[in-house]
C-alpha atoms as a PDB file:
ATOM      1  CA  MET A   1     134.342  -4.898-233.253  1.00  0.00           C
ATOM      2  CA  ALA A   2     137.766  -5.203-230.288  1.00  0.00           C
ATOM      3  CA  LYS A   3     137.245  -5.416-226.985  1.00  0.00           C
ATOM      4  CA  TYR A   4     138.990  -2.667-224.351  1.00  0.00           C
ATOM      5  CA  HIS A   5     139.810  -3.806-220.825  1.00  0.00           C
ATOM      6  CA  MET A   6     140.692  -0.769-218.199  1.00  0.00           C
ATOM      7  CA  SER A   7     140.970  -0.138-215.196  1.00  0.00           C
ATOM      8  CA  TRP A   8     140.675   2.640-212.485  1.00  0.00           C
ATOM      9  CA  LYS A   9     141.872   3.280-208.901  1.00  0.00           C
ATOM     10  CA  THR A  10     141.132   5.719-206.442  1.00  0.00           C
ATOM     11  CA  ARG A  11     142.357   7.781-204.719  1.00  0.00           C
ATOM     12  CA  ALA A  12     141.798   8.696-200.936  1.00  0.00           C
ATOM     13  CA  ASN A  13     143.970  11.593-199.632  1.00  0.00           C
ATOM     14  CA  GLY A  14     141.872  13.937-198.207  1.00  0.00           C
ATOM     15  CA  SER A  15     140.621  14.736-195.226  1.00  0.00           C
ATOM     16  CA  ALA A  16     137.762  11.802-193.573  1.00  0.00           C
ATOM     17  CA  GLN A  17     135.113  14.543-194.256  1.00  0.00           C
ATOM     18  CA  GLN A  18     136.481  16.173-197.793  1.00  0.00           C
ATOM     19  CA  ASN A  19     136.936  11.710-198.736  1.00  0.00           C
ATOM     20  CA  HIS A  20     133.327  11.474-198.071  1.00  0.00           C
ATOM     21  CA  ASP A  21     132.403  14.173-200.183  1.00  0.00           C
ATOM     22  CA  ASP A  22     134.511  12.242-202.843  1.00  0.00           C
ATOM     23  CA  GLY A  23     132.538   9.239-202.935  1.00  0.00           C
ATOM     24  CA  ALA A  24     129.089  11.306-203.002  1.00  0.00           C
ATOM     25  CA  ALA A  25     130.352  13.121-205.850  1.00  0.00           C
ATOM     26  CA  LEU A  26     131.304  10.193-207.621  1.00  0.00           C
ATOM     27  CA  LEU A  27     128.226   8.014-206.664  1.00  0.00           C
ATOM     28  CA  ALA A  28     125.893  11.737-208.611  1.00  0.00           C
ATOM     29  CA  ALA A  29     128.229  11.770-211.535  1.00  0.00           C
ATOM     30  CA  PHE A  30     127.663   7.565-211.572  1.00  0.00           C
ATOM     31  CA  ALA A  31     123.754   8.336-211.386  1.00  0.00           C
ATOM     32  CA  ASN A  32     123.635   9.788-213.960  1.00  0.00           C
ATOM     33  CA  TRP A  33     126.224   8.115-216.245  1.00  0.00           C
ATOM     34  CA  LYS A  34     125.514   6.541-220.166  1.00  0.00           C
ATOM     35  CA  ALA A  35     127.412   4.157-222.093  1.00  0.00           C
ATOM     36  CA  PRO A  36     128.261   5.962-225.088  1.00  0.00           C
ATOM     37  CA  ALA A  37     125.672   4.555-227.565  1.00  0.00           C
ATOM     38  CA  ASP A  38     129.009   3.479-229.925  1.00  0.00           C
ATOM     39  CA  GLN A  39     130.293   1.354-226.933  1.00  0.00           C
ATOM     40  CA  GLU A  40     128.651  -2.270-226.187  1.00  0.00           C
ATOM     41  CA  TRP A  41     129.649  -2.650-221.863  1.00  0.00           C
ATOM     42  CA  LEU A  42     130.363  -6.062-221.916  1.00  0.00           C
ATOM     43  CA  GLN A  43     131.453  -6.244-218.018  1.00  0.00           C
ATOM     44  CA  PHE A  44     130.990  -3.289-215.798  1.00  0.00           C
ATOM     45  CA  LEU A  45     132.713  -4.408-211.923  1.00  0.00           C
ATOM     46  CA  SER A  46     133.959  -2.625-208.567  1.00  0.00           C
ATOM     47  CA  SER A  47     136.314  -4.135-206.242  1.00  0.00           C
ATOM     48  CA  ILE A  48     135.246  -4.997-202.959  1.00  0.00           C
ATOM     49  CA  ASP A  49     136.653  -2.467-200.912  1.00  0.00           C
ATOM     50  CA  GLY A  50     135.081   0.305-203.026  1.00  0.00           C
ATOM     51  CA  GLN A  51     138.699   1.509-204.161  1.00  0.00           C
ATOM     52  CA  GLY A  52     138.744   0.453-208.346  1.00  0.00           C
ATOM     53  CA  GLY A  53     137.501  -1.621-210.648  1.00  0.00           C
ATOM     54  CA  PHE A  54     137.210  -2.896-214.365  1.00  0.00           C
ATOM     55  CA  ALA A  55     135.300  -2.821-217.289  1.00  0.00           C
ATOM     56  CA  VAL A  56     135.320  -4.250-220.485  1.00  0.00           C
ATOM     57  CA  ILE A  57     134.025  -2.217-224.019  1.00  0.00           C
ATOM     58  CA  GLU A  58     133.269  -3.753-227.475  1.00  0.00           C
ATOM     59  CA  THR A  59     133.689  -0.394-229.934  1.00  0.00           C
ATOM     60  CA  ASP A  60     134.562   0.235-233.081  1.00  0.00           C
ATOM     61  CA  ASN A  61     135.695   3.390-232.061  1.00  0.00           C
ATOM     62  CA  PRO A  62     138.330   3.210-229.804  1.00  0.00           C
ATOM     63  CA  ALA A  63     139.445   7.228-229.671  1.00  0.00           C
ATOM     64  CA  THR A  64     135.913   7.127-227.262  1.00  0.00           C
ATOM     65  CA  ILE A  65     137.896   5.388-224.546  1.00  0.00           C
ATOM     66  CA  ASP A  66     141.606   5.320-225.409  1.00  0.00           C
ATOM     67  CA  PRO A  67     143.439   6.919-222.201  1.00  0.00           C
ATOM     68  CA  VAL A  68     145.289   8.424-225.054  1.00  0.00           C
ATOM     69  CA  VAL A  69     144.349  11.697-227.733  1.00  0.00           C
ATOM     70  CA  ASP A  70     146.148  15.444-228.661  1.00  0.00           C
ATOM     71  CA  VAL A  71     146.345  18.041-225.935  1.00  0.00           C
ATOM     72  CA  GLY A  72     143.432  19.781-228.064  1.00  0.00           C
ATOM     73  CA  GLU A  73     140.800  16.710-228.147  1.00  0.00           C
ATOM     74  CA  GLY A  74     141.551  15.989-224.376  1.00  0.00           C
ATOM     75  CA  VAL A  75     140.391  19.945-223.313  1.00  0.00           C
ATOM     76  CA  ALA A  76     137.270  19.559-225.517  1.00  0.00           C
ATOM     77  CA  LEU A  77     136.994  15.561-223.537  1.00  0.00           C
ATOM     78  CA  GLU A  78     137.128  18.041-220.806  1.00  0.00           C
ATOM     79  CA  ALA A  79     134.892  20.699-220.798  1.00  0.00           C
ATOM     80  CA  ALA A  80     132.219  17.724-221.529  1.00  0.00           C
ATOM     81  CA  GLY A  81     132.848  15.518-218.080  1.00  0.00           C
ATOM     82  CA  ALA A  82     133.064  19.104-215.771  1.00  0.00           C
ATOM     83  CA  GLU A  83     129.685  20.189-217.847  1.00  0.00           C
ATOM     84  CA  PHE A  84     128.626  16.756-217.123  1.00  0.00           C
ATOM     85  CA  ARG A  85     129.570  16.598-213.491  1.00  0.00           C
ATOM     86  CA  ALA A  86     128.109  20.104-212.866  1.00  0.00           C
ATOM     87  CA  SER A  87     124.705  19.573-213.981  1.00  0.00           C
ATOM     88  CA  ILE A  88     123.887  16.977-211.089  1.00  0.00           C
END
């Protein structure tokens, strides 16, 4: 297994209400999220100001976390993400 580092930043570019609503939607999505079976999340950390965070993930399948994939695969992943968001 190999370890991967993933980081993210939140974007708060909308109105105060939009930023609030986006934060609430993010929390709702996170409450229902589970790590894929082929990944072990060794660390999953958030910055104290809520502006982002990072994770250390161990997996034999880097395609499940690699931010660069062929467009056909990317569209399928985006569709799965949209379906998940709509389900909560």
